[in-house]
Amino acid sequence: VPSDKIELEITESVVMDEVEQVTRTLNELKSYGIDV
């Protein structure tokens, strides 16, 4: 499945929980071309 054909939905609480880790995970997902 092309990476731009799956989008991940996260709640605002995820963003505020361990921000540094969330930032790393988001950047890694973007490096794979996955929308969030």
Full PDB file with SEQRES, HELIX, SHEET, SSBOND, CRYST1, ORIGX, SCALE, CONECT and MASTER records, all heavy atoms in Angstrom:
SEQRES   1 A   36  VAL PRO SER ASP LYS ILE GLU LEU GLU ILE THR GLU SER          
SEQRES   2 A   36  VAL VAL MET ASP GLU VAL GLU GLN VAL THR ARG THR LEU          
SEQRES   3 A   36  ASN GLU LEU LYS SER TYR GLY ILE ASP VAL                      
HELIX    1 AA1 SER A    3  LYS A    5  5                                   3    
HELIX    2 AA2 GLU A   12  MET A   16  1                                   5    
HELIX    3 AA3 VAL A   19  SER A   31  1                                  13    
CRYST1    1.000    1.000    1.000  90.00  90.00  90.00 P 1           1          
ORIGX1      1.000000  0.000000  0.000000        0.00000                         
ORIGX2      0.000000  1.000000  0.000000        0.00000                         
ORIGX3      0.000000  0.000000  1.000000        0.00000                         
SCALE1      1.000000  0.000000  0.000000        0.00000                         
SCALE2      0.000000  1.000000  0.000000        0.00000                         
SCALE3      0.000000  0.000000  1.000000        0.00000                         
ATOM      1  N   VAL A   1       0.858  -1.189   0.000  1.00  0.00           N  
ATOM      2  CA  VAL A   1       0.000   0.000   0.000  1.00  0.00           C  
ATOM      3  C   VAL A   1       0.892   1.237   0.000  1.00  0.00           C  
ATOM      4  O   VAL A   1       1.786   1.358   0.847  1.00  0.00           O  
ATOM      5  CB  VAL A   1      -0.923   0.019   1.237  1.00  0.00           C  
ATOM      6  CG1 VAL A   1      -1.684   1.338   1.327  1.00  0.00           C  
ATOM      7  CG2 VAL A   1      -1.896  -1.148   1.174  1.00  0.00           C  
ATOM      8  N   PRO A   2       0.705   2.156  -0.939  1.00  0.00           N  
ATOM      9  CA  PRO A   2       1.501   3.398  -0.934  1.00  0.00           C  
ATOM     10  C   PRO A   2       1.337   4.138   0.393  1.00  0.00           C  
ATOM     11  O   PRO A   2       0.255   4.148   0.984  1.00  0.00           O  
ATOM     12  CB  PRO A   2       0.920   4.201  -2.099  1.00  0.00           C  
ATOM     13  CG  PRO A   2       0.286   3.175  -2.990  1.00  0.00           C  
ATOM     14  CD  PRO A   2      -0.237   2.105  -2.082  1.00  0.00           C  
ATOM     15  N   SER A   3       2.409   4.752   0.841  1.00  0.00           N  
ATOM     16  CA  SER A   3       2.389   5.380   2.168  1.00  0.00           C  
ATOM     17  C   SER A   3       1.379   6.511   2.267  1.00  0.00           C  
ATOM     18  O   SER A   3       0.883   6.807   3.358  1.00  0.00           O  
ATOM     19  CB  SER A   3       3.784   5.907   2.511  1.00  0.00           C  
ATOM     20  OG  SER A   3       4.207   6.853   1.544  1.00  0.00           O  
ATOM     21  N   ASP A   4       1.040   7.171   1.151  1.00  0.00           N  
ATOM     22  CA  ASP A   4       0.087   8.283   1.227  1.00  0.00           C  
ATOM     23  C   ASP A   4      -1.364   7.819   1.166  1.00  0.00           C  
ATOM     24  O   ASP A   4      -2.275   8.646   1.132  1.00  0.00           O  
ATOM     25  CB  ASP A   4       0.360   9.294   0.111  1.00  0.00           C  
ATOM     26  CG  ASP A   4       0.169   8.691  -1.277  1.00  0.00           C  
ATOM     27  OD1 ASP A   4       0.148   7.439  -1.373  1.00  0.00           O  
ATOM     28  OD2 ASP A   4       0.039   9.452  -2.247  1.00  0.00           O  
ATOM     29  N   LYS A   5      -1.589   6.512   1.149  1.00  0.00           N  
ATOM     30  CA  LYS A   5      -2.954   5.994   1.089  1.00  0.00           C  
ATOM     31  C   LYS A   5      -3.465   5.532   2.452  1.00  0.00           C  
ATOM     32  O   LYS A   5      -4.603   5.072   2.561  1.00  0.00           O  
ATOM     33  CB  LYS A   5      -3.038   4.833   0.089  1.00  0.00           C  
ATOM     34  CG  LYS A   5      -2.750   5.256  -1.338  1.00  0.00           C  
ATOM     35  CD  LYS A   5      -3.620   6.427  -1.774  1.00  0.00           C  
ATOM     36  CE  LYS A   5      -3.276   6.943  -3.155  1.00  0.00           C  
ATOM     37  NZ  LYS A   5      -4.072   8.138  -3.513  1.00  0.00           N  
ATOM     38  N   ILE A   6      -2.638   5.638   3.464  1.00  0.00           N  
ATOM     39  CA  ILE A   6      -3.067   5.364   4.836  1.00  0.00           C  
ATOM     40  C   ILE A   6      -2.779   6.612   5.667  1.00  0.00           C  
ATOM     41  O   ILE A   6      -1.654   7.128   5.662  1.00  0.00           O  
ATOM     42  CB  ILE A   6      -2.343   4.148   5.444  1.00  0.00           C  
ATOM     43  CG1 ILE A   6      -2.773   2.865   4.740  1.00  0.00           C  
ATOM     44  CG2 ILE A   6      -2.635   4.046   6.946  1.00  0.00           C  
ATOM     45  CD1 ILE A   6      -4.226   2.473   4.953  1.00  0.00           C  
ATOM     46  N   GLU A   7      -3.793   7.094   6.336  1.00  0.00           N  
ATOM     47  CA  GLU A   7      -3.633   8.258   7.216  1.00  0.00           C  
ATOM     48  C   GLU A   7      -3.880   7.807   8.657  1.00  0.00           C  
ATOM     49  O   GLU A   7      -4.819   7.058   8.933  1.00  0.00           O  
ATOM     50  CB  GLU A   7      -4.632   9.359   6.854  1.00  0.00           C  
ATOM     51  CG  GLU A   7      -4.538  10.588   7.747  1.00  0.00           C  
ATOM     52  CD  GLU A   7      -5.590  11.632   7.402  1.00  0.00           C  
ATOM     53  OE1 GLU A   7      -6.790  11.334   7.608  1.00  0.00           O  
ATOM     54  OE2 GLU A   7      -5.233  12.725   6.934  1.00  0.00           O  
ATOM     55  N   LEU A   8      -3.035   8.266   9.566  1.00  0.00           N  
ATOM     56  CA  LEU A   8      -3.180   7.939  10.977  1.00  0.00           C  
ATOM     57  C   LEU A   8      -3.845   9.097  11.699  1.00  0.00           C  
ATOM     58  O   LEU A   8      -3.463  10.255  11.518  1.00  0.00           O  
ATOM     59  CB  LEU A   8      -1.810   7.649  11.596  1.00  0.00           C  
ATOM     60  CG  LEU A   8      -1.005   6.530  10.922  1.00  0.00           C  
ATOM     61  CD1 LEU A   8       0.347   6.381  11.606  1.00  0.00           C  
ATOM     62  CD2 LEU A   8      -1.772   5.205  10.945  1.00  0.00           C  
ATOM     63  N   GLU A   9      -4.841   8.799  12.528  1.00  0.00           N  
ATOM     64  CA  GLU A   9      -5.543   9.816  13.298  1.00  0.00           C  
ATOM     65  C   GLU A   9      -5.183   9.663  14.771  1.00  0.00           C  
ATOM     66  O   GLU A   9      -5.375   8.594  15.357  1.00  0.00           O  
ATOM     67  CB  GLU A   9      -7.061   9.693  13.122  1.00  0.00           C  
ATOM     68  CG  GLU A   9      -7.533   9.976  11.709  1.00  0.00           C  
ATOM     69  CD  GLU A   9      -9.055   9.995  11.613  1.00  0.00           C  
ATOM     70  OE1 GLU A   9      -9.714   9.876  12.668  1.00  0.00           O  
ATOM     71  OE2 GLU A   9      -9.580  10.123  10.491  1.00  0.00           O  
ATOM     72  N   ILE A  10      -4.656  10.727  15.347  1.00  0.00           N  
ATOM     73  CA  ILE A  10      -4.316  10.716  16.773  1.00  0.00           C  
ATOM     74  C   ILE A  10      -5.091  11.810  17.472  1.00  0.00           C  
ATOM     75  O   ILE A  10      -5.425  12.832  16.876  1.00  0.00           O  
ATOM     76  CB  ILE A  10      -2.798  10.905  16.997  1.00  0.00           C  
ATOM     77  CG1 ILE A  10      -2.347  12.268  16.477  1.00  0.00           C  
ATOM     78  CG2 ILE A  10      -2.016   9.789  16.348  1.00  0.00           C  
ATOM     79  CD1 ILE A  10      -0.898  12.571  16.782  1.00  0.00           C  
ATOM     80  N   THR A  11      -5.384  11.593  18.732  1.00  0.00           N  
ATOM     81  CA  THR A  11      -6.110  12.598  19.502  1.00  0.00           C  
ATOM     82  C   THR A  11      -5.136  13.632  20.053  1.00  0.00           C  
ATOM     83  O   THR A  11      -3.929  13.418  20.094  1.00  0.00           O  
ATOM     84  CB  THR A  11      -6.865  11.954  20.686  1.00  0.00           C  
ATOM     85  OG1 THR A  11      -5.907  11.332  21.550  1.00  0.00           O  
ATOM     86  CG2 THR A  11      -7.852  10.913  20.183  1.00  0.00           C  
ATOM     87  N   GLU A  12      -5.690  14.778  20.503  1.00  0.00           N  
ATOM     88  CA  GLU A  12      -4.851  15.831  21.063  1.00  0.00           C  
ATOM     89  C   GLU A  12      -4.097  15.350  22.307  1.00  0.00           C  
ATOM     90  O   GLU A  12      -2.992  15.806  22.580  1.00  0.00           O  
ATOM     91  CB  GLU A  12      -5.714  17.037  21.432  1.00  0.00           C  
ATOM     92  CG  GLU A  12      -6.299  17.734  20.230  1.00  0.00           C  
ATOM     93  CD  GLU A  12      -7.059  18.982  20.627  1.00  0.00           C  
ATOM     94  OE1 GLU A  12      -6.553  19.765  21.431  1.00  0.00           O  
ATOM     95  OE2 GLU A  12      -8.164  19.155  20.119  1.00  0.00           O  
ATOM     96  N   SER A  13      -4.699  14.405  23.047  1.00  0.00           N  
ATOM     97  CA  SER A  13      -4.038  13.921  24.261  1.00  0.00           C  
ATOM     98  C   SER A  13      -2.736  13.211  23.934  1.00  0.00           C  
ATOM     99  O   SER A  13      -1.786  13.241  24.713  1.00  0.00           O  
ATOM    100  CB  SER A  13      -4.973  12.981  25.027  1.00  0.00           C  
ATOM    101  OG  SER A  13      -5.322  11.879  24.212  1.00  0.00           O  
ATOM    102  N   VAL A  14      -2.674  12.570  22.784  1.00  0.00           N  
ATOM    103  CA  VAL A  14      -1.434  11.914  22.371  1.00  0.00           C  
ATOM    104  C   VAL A  14      -0.341  12.953  22.166  1.00  0.00           C  
ATOM    105  O   VAL A  14       0.814  12.771  22.565  1.00  0.00           O  
ATOM    106  CB  VAL A  14      -1.652  11.110  21.067  1.00  0.00           C  
ATOM    107  CG1 VAL A  14      -0.329  10.554  20.568  1.00  0.00           C  
ATOM    108  CG2 VAL A  14      -2.637   9.987  21.299  1.00  0.00           C  
ATOM    109  N   VAL A  15      -0.726  14.091  21.569  1.00  0.00           N  
ATOM    110  CA  VAL A  15       0.250  15.138  21.286  1.00  0.00           C  
ATOM    111  C   VAL A  15       0.875  15.655  22.570  1.00  0.00           C  
ATOM    112  O   VAL A  15       2.067  15.933  22.649  1.00  0.00           O  
ATOM    113  CB  VAL A  15      -0.422  16.292  20.516  1.00  0.00           C  
ATOM    114  CG1 VAL A  15       0.569  17.423  20.278  1.00  0.00           C  
ATOM    115  CG2 VAL A  15      -0.989  15.777  19.204  1.00  0.00           C  
ATOM    116  N   MET A  16       0.046  15.791  23.610  1.00  0.00           N  
ATOM    117  CA  MET A  16       0.516  16.377  24.855  1.00  0.00           C  
ATOM    118  C   MET A  16       1.193  15.368  25.772  1.00  0.00           C  
ATOM    119  O   MET A  16       1.719  15.739  26.811  1.00  0.00           O  
ATOM    120  CB  MET A  16      -0.668  17.013  25.591  1.00  0.00           C  
ATOM    121  CG  MET A  16      -1.324  18.161  24.832  1.00  0.00           C  
ATOM    122  SD  MET A  16      -0.173  19.502  24.510  1.00  0.00           S  
ATOM    123  CE  MET A  16       0.081  20.109  26.168  1.00  0.00           C  
ATOM    124  N   ASP A  17       1.179  14.078  25.397  1.00  0.00           N  
ATOM    125  CA  ASP A  17       1.755  13.049  26.247  1.00  0.00           C  
ATOM    126  C   ASP A  17       3.174  12.750  25.765  1.00  0.00           C  
ATOM    127  O   ASP A  17       3.365  12.191  24.686  1.00  0.00           O  
ATOM    128  CB  ASP A  17       0.867  11.795  26.193  1.00  0.00           C  
ATOM    129  CG  ASP A  17       1.265  10.776  27.247  1.00  0.00           C  
ATOM    130  OD1 ASP A  17       2.116  11.099  28.105  1.00  0.00           O  
ATOM    131  OD2 ASP A  17       0.740   9.665  27.200  1.00  0.00           O  
ATOM    132  N   GLU A  18       4.179  13.126  26.561  1.00  0.00           N  
ATOM    133  CA  GLU A  18       5.579  12.896  26.212  1.00  0.00           C  
ATOM    134  C   GLU A  18       5.894  13.513  24.848  1.00  0.00           C  
ATOM    135  O   GLU A  18       6.103  12.828  23.842  1.00  0.00           O  
ATOM    136  CB  GLU A  18       5.885  11.402  26.222  1.00  0.00           C  
ATOM    137  CG  GLU A  18       5.677  10.757  27.587  1.00  0.00           C  
ATOM    138  CD  GLU A  18       6.059   9.288  27.609  1.00  0.00           C  
ATOM    139  OE1 GLU A  18       6.629   8.818  26.604  1.00  0.00           O  
ATOM    140  OE2 GLU A  18       5.797   8.624  28.618  1.00  0.00           O  
ATOM    141  N   VAL A  19       5.924  14.835  24.830  1.00  0.00           N  
ATOM    142  CA  VAL A  19       6.017  15.601  23.585  1.00  0.00           C  
ATOM    143  C   VAL A  19       7.251  15.244  22.770  1.00  0.00           C  
ATOM    144  O   VAL A  19       7.189  15.126  21.542  1.00  0.00           O  
ATOM    145  CB  VAL A  19       5.991  17.111  23.898  1.00  0.00           C  
ATOM    146  CG1 VAL A  19       6.197  17.926  22.628  1.00  0.00           C  
ATOM    147  CG2 VAL A  19       4.687  17.478  24.578  1.00  0.00           C  
ATOM    148  N   GLU A  20       8.365  15.061  23.430  1.00  0.00           N  
ATOM    149  CA  GLU A  20       9.593  14.761  22.693  1.00  0.00           C  
ATOM    150  C   GLU A  20       9.463  13.451  21.925  1.00  0.00           C  
ATOM    151  O   GLU A  20       9.847  13.354  20.759  1.00  0.00           O  
ATOM    152  CB  GLU A  20      10.775  14.695  23.657  1.00  0.00           C  
ATOM    153  CG  GLU A  20      11.137  16.049  24.263  1.00  0.00           C  
ATOM    154  CD  GLU A  20      12.381  15.981  25.131  1.00  0.00           C  
ATOM    155  OE1 GLU A  20      12.979  14.875  25.223  1.00  0.00           O  
ATOM    156  OE2 GLU A  20      12.742  17.003  25.708  1.00  0.00           O  
ATOM    157  N   GLN A  21       8.915  12.445  22.590  1.00  0.00           N  
ATOM    158  CA  GLN A  21       8.746  11.159  21.917  1.00  0.00           C  
ATOM    159  C   GLN A  21       7.740  11.276  20.775  1.00  0.00           C  
ATOM    160  O   GLN A  21       7.940  10.710  19.696  1.00  0.00           O  
ATOM    161  CB  GLN A  21       8.286  10.099  22.915  1.00  0.00           C  
ATOM    162  CG  GLN A  21       8.088   8.725  22.282  1.00  0.00           C  
ATOM    163  CD  GLN A  21       7.634   7.684  23.292  1.00  0.00           C  
ATOM    164  OE1 GLN A  21       7.864   7.833  24.477  1.00  0.00           O  
ATOM    165  NE2 GLN A  21       6.988   6.639  22.812  1.00  0.00           N  
ATOM    166  N   VAL A  22       6.644  12.023  21.028  1.00  0.00           N  
ATOM    167  CA  VAL A  22       5.634  12.225  19.989  1.00  0.00           C  
ATOM    168  C   VAL A  22       6.259  12.911  18.778  1.00  0.00           C  
ATOM    169  O   VAL A  22       6.007  12.536  17.623  1.00  0.00           O  
ATOM    170  CB  VAL A  22       4.458  13.062  20.538  1.00  0.00           C  
ATOM    171  CG1 VAL A  22       3.550  13.523  19.394  1.00  0.00           C  
ATOM    172  CG2 VAL A  22       3.652  12.257  21.543  1.00  0.00           C  
ATOM    173  N   THR A  23       7.078  13.921  19.026  1.00  0.00           N  
ATOM    174  CA  THR A  23       7.722  14.642  17.929  1.00  0.00           C  
ATOM    175  C   THR A  23       8.608  13.710  17.113  1.00  0.00           C  
ATOM    176  O   THR A  23       8.591  13.733  15.870  1.00  0.00           O  
ATOM    177  CB  THR A  23       8.559  15.807  18.482  1.00  0.00           C  
ATOM    178  OG1 THR A  23       7.710  16.670  19.253  1.00  0.00           O  
ATOM    179  CG2 THR A  23       9.191  16.604  17.358  1.00  0.00           C  
ATOM    180  N   ARG A  24       9.372  12.883  17.796  1.00  0.00           N  
ATOM    181  CA  ARG A  24      10.241  11.939  17.079  1.00  0.00           C  
ATOM    182  C   ARG A  24       9.418  10.979  16.231  1.00  0.00           C  
ATOM    183  O   ARG A  24       9.759  10.711  15.066  1.00  0.00           O  
ATOM    184  CB  ARG A  24      11.096  11.156  18.080  1.00  0.00           C  
ATOM    185  CG  ARG A  24      12.215  11.971  18.717  1.00  0.00           C  
ATOM    186  CD  ARG A  24      13.229  11.050  19.395  1.00  0.00           C  
ATOM    187  NE  ARG A  24      12.606  10.262  20.459  1.00  0.00           N  
ATOM    188  CZ  ARG A  24      12.517  10.651  21.725  1.00  0.00           C  
ATOM    189  NH1 ARG A  24      13.019  11.836  22.086  1.00  0.00           N  
ATOM    190  NH2 ARG A  24      11.959   9.881  22.635  1.00  0.00           N  
ATOM    191  N   THR A  25       8.340  10.461  16.820  1.00  0.00           N  
ATOM    192  CA  THR A  25       7.511   9.497  16.085  1.00  0.00           C  
ATOM    193  C   THR A  25       6.865  10.156  14.869  1.00  0.00           C  
ATOM    194  O   THR A  25       6.826   9.580  13.774  1.00  0.00           O  
ATOM    195  CB  THR A  25       6.428   8.914  17.007  1.00  0.00           C  
ATOM    196  OG1 THR A  25       7.050   8.277  18.126  1.00  0.00           O  
ATOM    197  CG2 THR A  25       5.570   7.908  16.274  1.00  0.00           C  
ATOM    198  N   LEU A  26       6.360  11.397  15.050  1.00  0.00           N  
ATOM    199  CA  LEU A  26       5.727  12.095  13.926  1.00  0.00           C  
ATOM    200  C   LEU A  26       6.727  12.352  12.804  1.00  0.00           C  
ATOM    201  O   LEU A  26       6.418  12.157  11.615  1.00  0.00           O  
ATOM    202  CB  LEU A  26       5.124  13.412  14.409  1.00  0.00           C  
ATOM    203  CG  LEU A  26       3.841  13.318  15.234  1.00  0.00           C  
ATOM    204  CD1 LEU A  26       3.458  14.686  15.785  1.00  0.00           C  
ATOM    205  CD2 LEU A  26       2.695  12.766  14.390  1.00  0.00           C  
ATOM    206  N   ASN A  27       7.901  12.808  13.162  1.00  0.00           N  
ATOM    207  CA  ASN A  27       8.911  13.065  12.140  1.00  0.00           C  
ATOM    208  C   ASN A  27       9.311  11.786  11.416  1.00  0.00           C  
ATOM    209  O   ASN A  27       9.554  11.792  10.193  1.00  0.00           O  
ATOM    210  CB  ASN A  27      10.144  13.715  12.769  1.00  0.00           C  
ATOM    211  CG  ASN A  27       9.894  15.169  13.144  1.00  0.00           C  
ATOM    212  OD1 ASN A  27       9.142  15.870  12.475  1.00  0.00           O  
ATOM    213  ND2 ASN A  27      10.513  15.617  14.227  1.00  0.00           N  
ATOM    214  N   GLU A  28       9.359  10.690  12.152  1.00  0.00           N  
ATOM    215  CA  GLU A  28       9.710   9.416  11.528  1.00  0.00           C  
ATOM    216  C   GLU A  28       8.606   8.965  10.577  1.00  0.00           C  
ATOM    217  O   GLU A  28       8.883   8.473   9.477  1.00  0.00           O  
ATOM    218  CB  GLU A  28       9.958   8.362  12.608  1.00  0.00           C  
ATOM    219  CG  GLU A  28      10.639   7.098  12.077  1.00  0.00           C  
ATOM    220  CD  GLU A  28      11.029   6.144  13.198  1.00  0.00           C  
ATOM    221  OE1 GLU A  28      10.829   6.506  14.380  1.00  0.00           O  
ATOM    222  OE2 GLU A  28      11.515   5.051  12.888  1.00  0.00           O  
ATOM    223  N   LEU A  29       7.345   9.151  10.994  1.00  0.00           N  
ATOM    224  CA  LEU A  29       6.227   8.806  10.107  1.00  0.00           C  
ATOM    225  C   LEU A  29       6.272   9.642   8.836  1.00  0.00           C  
ATOM    226  O   LEU A  29       6.023   9.141   7.731  1.00  0.00           O  
ATOM    227  CB  LEU A  29       4.892   9.022  10.840  1.00  0.00           C  
ATOM    228  CG  LEU A  29       4.545   8.001  11.930  1.00  0.00           C  
ATOM    229  CD1 LEU A  29       3.352   8.479  12.759  1.00  0.00           C  
ATOM    230  CD2 LEU A  29       4.227   6.637  11.311  1.00  0.00           C  
ATOM    231  N   LYS A  30       6.573  10.946   8.996  1.00  0.00           N  
ATOM    232  CA  LYS A  30       6.643  11.814   7.825  1.00  0.00           C  
ATOM    233  C   LYS A  30       7.780  11.391   6.898  1.00  0.00           C  
ATOM    234  O   LYS A  30       7.672  11.519   5.668  1.00  0.00           O  
ATOM    235  CB  LYS A  30       6.835  13.265   8.260  1.00  0.00           C  
ATOM    236  CG  LYS A  30       5.638  13.855   8.994  1.00  0.00           C  
ATOM    237  CD  LYS A  30       4.363  13.782   8.159  1.00  0.00           C  
ATOM    238  CE  LYS A  30       4.456  14.596   6.902  1.00  0.00           C  
ATOM    239  NZ  LYS A  30       3.205  14.513   6.100  1.00  0.00           N  
ATOM    240  N   SER A  31       8.856  10.883   7.486  1.00  0.00           N  
ATOM    241  CA  SER A  31       9.978  10.433   6.646  1.00  0.00           C  
ATOM    242  C   SER A  31       9.570   9.248   5.778  1.00  0.00           C  
ATOM    243  O   SER A  31      10.152   9.022   4.713  1.00  0.00           O  
ATOM    244  CB  SER A  31      11.176  10.060   7.523  1.00  0.00           C  
ATOM    245  OG  SER A  31      10.923   8.856   8.249  1.00  0.00           O  
ATOM    246  N   TYR A  32       8.578   8.505   6.229  1.00  0.00           N  
ATOM    247  CA  TYR A  32       8.043   7.395   5.437  1.00  0.00           C  
ATOM    248  C   TYR A  32       6.927   7.847   4.499  1.00  0.00           C  
ATOM    249  O   TYR A  32       6.369   7.026   3.754  1.00  0.00           O  
ATOM    250  CB  TYR A  32       7.503   6.294   6.350  1.00  0.00           C  
ATOM    251  CG  TYR A  32       8.553   5.546   7.143  1.00  0.00           C  
ATOM    252  CD1 TYR A  32       8.505   5.506   8.520  1.00  0.00           C  
ATOM    253  CD2 TYR A  32       9.590   4.868   6.505  1.00  0.00           C  
ATOM    254  CE1 TYR A  32       9.464   4.816   9.265  1.00  0.00           C  
ATOM    255  CE2 TYR A  32      10.548   4.178   7.227  1.00  0.00           C  
ATOM    256  CZ  TYR A  32      10.484   4.162   8.606  1.00  0.00           C  
ATOM    257  OH  TYR A  32      11.429   3.480   9.331  1.00  0.00           O  
ATOM    258  N   GLY A  33       6.545   9.138   4.560  1.00  0.00           N  
ATOM    259  CA  GLY A  33       5.487   9.651   3.687  1.00  0.00           C  
ATOM    260  C   GLY A  33       4.085   9.372   4.172  1.00  0.00           C  
ATOM    261  O   GLY A  33       3.139   9.379   3.386  1.00  0.00           O  
ATOM    262  N   ILE A  34       3.924   9.119   5.469  1.00  0.00           N  
ATOM    263  CA  ILE A  34       2.618   8.771   6.030  1.00  0.00           C  
ATOM    264  C   ILE A  34       1.956  10.023   6.604  1.00  0.00           C  
ATOM    265  O   ILE A  34       2.569  10.755   7.378  1.00  0.00           O  
ATOM    266  CB  ILE A  34       2.769   7.701   7.128  1.00  0.00           C  
ATOM    267  CG1 ILE A  34       3.397   6.430   6.529  1.00  0.00           C  
ATOM    268  CG2 ILE A  34       1.423   7.387   7.774  1.00  0.00           C  
ATOM    269  CD1 ILE A  34       3.839   5.431   7.572  1.00  0.00           C  
ATOM    270  N   ASP A  35       0.722  10.275   6.199  1.00  0.00           N  
ATOM    271  CA  ASP A  35      -0.018  11.437   6.691  1.00  0.00           C  
ATOM    272  C   ASP A  35      -0.516  11.195   8.110  1.00  0.00           C  
ATOM    273  O   ASP A  35      -0.861  10.061   8.480  1.00  0.00           O  
ATOM    274  CB  ASP A  35      -1.227  11.741   5.792  1.00  0.00           C  
ATOM    275  CG  ASP A  35      -0.796  12.296   4.451  1.00  0.00           C  
ATOM    276  OD1 ASP A  35       0.388  12.668   4.312  1.00  0.00           O  
ATOM    277  OD2 ASP A  35      -1.641  12.361   3.539  1.00  0.00           O  
ATOM    278  N   VAL A  36      -0.588  12.295   8.894  1.00  0.00           N  
ATOM    279  CA  VAL A  36      -1.097  12.219  10.259  1.00  0.00           C  
ATOM    280  C   VAL A  36      -2.117  13.340  10.462  1.00  0.00           C  
ATOM    281  O   VAL A  36      -1.867  14.495  10.099  1.00  0.00           O  
ATOM    282  CB  VAL A  36       0.028  12.355  11.303  1.00  0.00           C  
ATOM    283  CG1 VAL A  36      -0.545  12.286  12.722  1.00  0.00           C  
ATOM    284  CG2 VAL A  36       1.073  11.263  11.105  1.00  0.00           C  
TER     285      VAL A  36                                                      
MASTER        0    0    0    3    0    0    0    6  284    1    0    3          
END                                                                             
